[in-house]
């Protein structure tokens, strides 16, 4: 948007030129993209972000932990439940949430054998329990740290010959710190 601005310097010289007005977005919001609601349906509207500092700053992560009530769930009008997108409402605008923020918001959710990534809202609509990208990341982490039922070393047959056990004999004539192992 351009507007005509008249700059005056000394009274002798008056210049007139077009100065473009730029509205700067805070650098922290560059990682959070604004979501247009034109093609979206609000499935569940979360609470508005209550702090003046933006949630992408590392100092805000402890305030985000386990605060699922801040998350708004948006679904494309032509999409299904799996297409739902989590967002944060800041100044009555909806912003996408990075994976780092998702991990803080949904840290309390644990994957169990019977985990179902669906739940119902109070008005009966179906929504995701955690974002699909976070579910993928949690499953990848769980697979990496889970103990295998049949690790590669367990597939070998155990050695049938028993190993001899050593008996330790204690010599009581010398103090313990002078004793040598047999």
Protein backbone atom coordinates (compact mmCIF):
# COMPACT_ATOMS: atom_id res chain seq x y z
CA UNK A 1 0.00 0.00 0.00
CA UNK A 2 1.49 3.35 -0.92
CA UNK A 3 0.56 6.73 0.40
CA UNK A 4 1.78 10.19 -0.54
CA UNK A 5 4.08 11.61 2.11
CA UNK A 6 5.45 15.13 2.15
CA UNK A 7 8.81 15.39 3.82
CA UNK A 8 9.97 18.81 4.85
CA UNK A 9 13.59 19.57 5.48
CA UNK A 10 14.72 23.19 5.64
CA UNK A 11 12.08 25.67 4.49
CA UNK A 12 13.88 26.14 1.16
CA UNK A 13 13.36 22.59 -0.05
CA UNK A 14 10.12 20.60 -0.07
CA UNK A 15 10.05 17.21 -1.71
CA UNK A 16 7.10 15.01 -2.41
CA UNK A 17 7.41 11.30 -3.10
CA UNK A 18 5.60 7.99 -2.72
CA UNK A 19 6.68 6.02 0.32
CA UNK A 20 5.54 2.43 0.64
CA UNK A 21 4.27 1.55 4.04
CA UNK A 22 5.43 -1.87 5.09
CA UNK A 23 3.81 -3.73 7.91
CA UNK A 24 6.40 -5.94 9.52
CA UNK A 25 5.41 -9.26 10.90
CA UNK A 26 7.29 -10.13 14.06
CA UNK A 27 10.10 -12.52 13.21
CA UNK A 28 8.78 -15.14 15.62
CA UNK A 29 5.53 -15.43 13.67
CA UNK A 30 7.34 -16.26 10.46
CA UNK A 31 7.48 -19.89 11.56
CA UNK A 32 3.74 -19.88 12.21
CA UNK A 33 1.72 -19.48 9.04
CA UNK A 34 -1.67 -17.89 9.21
CA UNK A 35 -4.48 -20.22 8.19
CA UNK A 36 -7.25 -18.80 6.05
CA UNK A 37 -10.71 -19.83 7.24
CA UNK A 38 -12.29 -19.51 3.77
CA UNK A 39 -11.98 -23.23 2.98
CA UNK A 40 -11.94 -24.46 6.60
CA UNK A 41 -14.51 -25.55 9.14
CA UNK A 42 -13.81 -25.01 12.82
CA UNK A 43 -14.25 -28.38 14.52
CA UNK A 44 -13.17 -27.23 17.98
CA UNK A 45 -12.24 -23.69 18.90
CA UNK A 46 -9.53 -23.47 21.52
CA UNK A 47 -8.80 -20.67 23.94
CA UNK A 48 -7.04 -17.58 22.66
CA UNK A 49 -3.31 -17.22 23.38
CA UNK A 50 -3.33 -15.15 26.60
CA UNK A 51 0.26 -13.88 26.67
CA UNK A 52 1.76 -10.85 24.92
CA UNK A 53 4.87 -12.87 23.98
CA UNK A 54 4.41 -15.18 21.00
CA UNK A 55 4.38 -18.95 21.63
CA UNK A 56 7.27 -19.74 19.28
CA UNK A 57 9.85 -18.32 21.68
CA UNK A 58 11.65 -20.96 23.72
CA UNK A 59 10.73 -19.21 26.97
CA UNK A 60 7.06 -19.91 26.22
CA UNK A 61 7.45 -23.70 25.84
CA UNK A 62 6.89 -24.42 29.56
CA UNK A 63 3.63 -22.43 29.36
CA UNK A 64 2.49 -24.57 26.42
CA UNK A 65 3.14 -27.95 28.02
CA UNK A 66 -0.04 -30.00 28.41
CA UNK A 67 -2.25 -27.03 27.41
CA UNK A 68 -4.44 -28.86 24.95
CA UNK A 69 -7.24 -26.36 25.58
CA UNK A 70 -5.29 -23.76 23.54
CA UNK A 71 -5.50 -25.85 20.36
CA UNK A 72 -8.17 -25.15 17.76
CA UNK A 73 -8.93 -27.89 15.25
CA UNK A 74 -9.69 -26.87 11.67
CA UNK A 75 -10.87 -29.18 8.91
CA UNK A 76 -10.90 -28.42 5.17
CA UNK A 77 -14.49 -28.23 3.88
CA UNK A 78 -13.79 -30.97 1.34
CA UNK A 79 -11.58 -33.06 3.65
CA UNK A 80 -12.06 -35.71 6.30
CA UNK A 81 -11.00 -36.24 9.89
CA UNK A 82 -7.45 -37.23 8.88
CA UNK A 83 -7.06 -33.84 7.13
CA UNK A 84 -7.68 -31.83 10.30
CA UNK A 85 -5.11 -29.21 11.22
CA UNK A 86 -4.26 -28.02 14.74
CA UNK A 87 -3.85 -24.28 15.18
CA UNK A 88 -3.38 -21.59 17.81
CA UNK A 89 -5.64 -18.56 17.98
CA UNK A 90 -3.61 -15.38 18.41
CA UNK A 91 -5.40 -12.01 18.15
CA UNK A 92 -8.46 -13.72 16.58
CA UNK A 93 -6.37 -15.24 13.78
CA UNK A 94 -5.50 -18.90 13.45
CA UNK A 95 -1.86 -19.97 12.99
CA UNK A 96 -0.37 -23.36 12.19
CA UNK A 97 1.64 -25.10 14.88
CA UNK A 98 5.18 -26.37 14.34
CA UNK A 99 6.16 -29.89 15.36
CA UNK A 100 8.17 -28.49 18.28
CA UNK A 101 5.09 -26.73 19.66
CA UNK A 102 2.94 -29.81 19.01
CA UNK A 103 5.34 -31.89 21.08
CA UNK A 104 5.00 -29.46 23.99
CA UNK A 105 1.21 -29.21 23.73
CA UNK A 106 0.61 -32.96 23.51
CA UNK A 107 3.51 -34.20 25.66
CA UNK A 108 1.14 -35.94 28.07
CA UNK A 109 -0.37 -38.18 25.36
CA UNK A 110 1.21 -41.64 25.43
CA UNK A 111 0.92 -44.20 22.66
CA UNK A 112 -0.40 -47.48 23.92
CA UNK A 113 -1.22 -50.68 22.08
CA UNK A 114 -4.91 -49.75 21.81
CA UNK A 115 -4.33 -46.04 21.00
CA UNK A 116 -7.00 -44.61 18.72
CA UNK A 117 -6.29 -41.17 17.28
CA UNK A 118 -9.94 -40.13 17.31
CA UNK A 119 -12.23 -38.62 19.89
CA UNK A 120 -15.59 -36.88 20.00
CA UNK A 121 -16.16 -33.23 20.83
CA UNK A 122 -18.97 -32.34 23.27
CA UNK A 123 -21.23 -31.52 20.31
CA UNK A 124 -20.66 -34.99 18.79
CA UNK A 125 -18.18 -34.20 16.01
CA UNK A 126 -15.21 -36.47 15.50
CA UNK A 127 -11.74 -34.97 15.78
CA UNK A 128 -8.15 -36.13 16.00
CA UNK A 129 -6.65 -36.76 19.43
CA UNK A 130 -3.19 -35.56 18.33
CA UNK A 131 -2.00 -34.18 14.97
CA UNK A 132 -1.13 -36.76 12.29
CA UNK A 133 2.44 -35.45 11.94
CA UNK A 134 3.01 -35.77 15.70
CA UNK A 135 1.50 -39.27 15.71
CA UNK A 136 3.92 -40.29 12.96
CA UNK A 137 6.84 -38.83 14.93
CA UNK A 138 5.76 -40.52 18.18
CA UNK A 139 5.40 -43.88 16.41
CA UNK A 140 8.84 -43.51 14.83
CA UNK A 141 10.34 -42.73 18.24
CA UNK A 142 8.49 -45.63 19.88
CA UNK A 143 9.71 -48.04 17.21
CA UNK A 144 13.27 -46.89 17.70
CA UNK A 145 13.19 -47.35 21.47
CA UNK A 146 10.95 -50.39 21.78
CA UNK A 147 12.53 -53.67 22.78
CA UNK A 148 12.13 -56.36 20.17
CA UNK A 149 10.45 -59.59 21.12
CA UNK A 150 13.08 -61.59 19.18
CA UNK A 151 16.32 -59.65 19.07
CA UNK A 152 18.90 -61.00 16.57
CA UNK A 153 21.07 -62.53 19.31
CA UNK A 154 18.10 -64.41 20.78
CA UNK A 155 17.46 -66.29 17.55
CA UNK A 156 20.64 -68.34 18.04
CA UNK A 157 20.28 -71.59 19.97
CA UNK A 158 21.62 -71.39 23.51
CA UNK A 159 24.86 -73.25 24.29
CA UNK A 160 23.86 -76.68 25.72
CA UNK A 161 27.06 -77.19 27.74
CA UNK A 162 26.89 -75.64 31.18
CA UNK A 163 29.75 -73.39 32.13
CA UNK A 164 31.69 -74.43 35.24
CA UNK A 165 31.20 -72.22 38.25
CA UNK A 166 34.16 -71.06 40.29
CA UNK A 167 34.11 -71.35 44.02
CA UNK A 168 35.73 -68.54 45.82
CA UNK A 169 37.72 -69.63 48.80
CA UNK A 170 38.24 -67.16 51.57
CA UNK A 171 41.51 -67.16 53.43
CA UNK A 172 40.80 -65.77 56.88
CA UNK A 173 44.45 -65.58 57.93
CA UNK A 174 45.17 -62.38 55.96
CA UNK A 175 43.24 -59.10 56.14
CA UNK A 176 40.74 -58.53 53.29
CA UNK A 177 42.79 -55.79 51.64
CA UNK A 178 45.78 -58.16 51.26
CA UNK A 179 43.83 -61.01 49.75
CA UNK A 180 44.49 -61.92 46.14
CA UNK A 181 41.84 -63.35 43.93
CA UNK A 182 42.28 -67.08 43.26
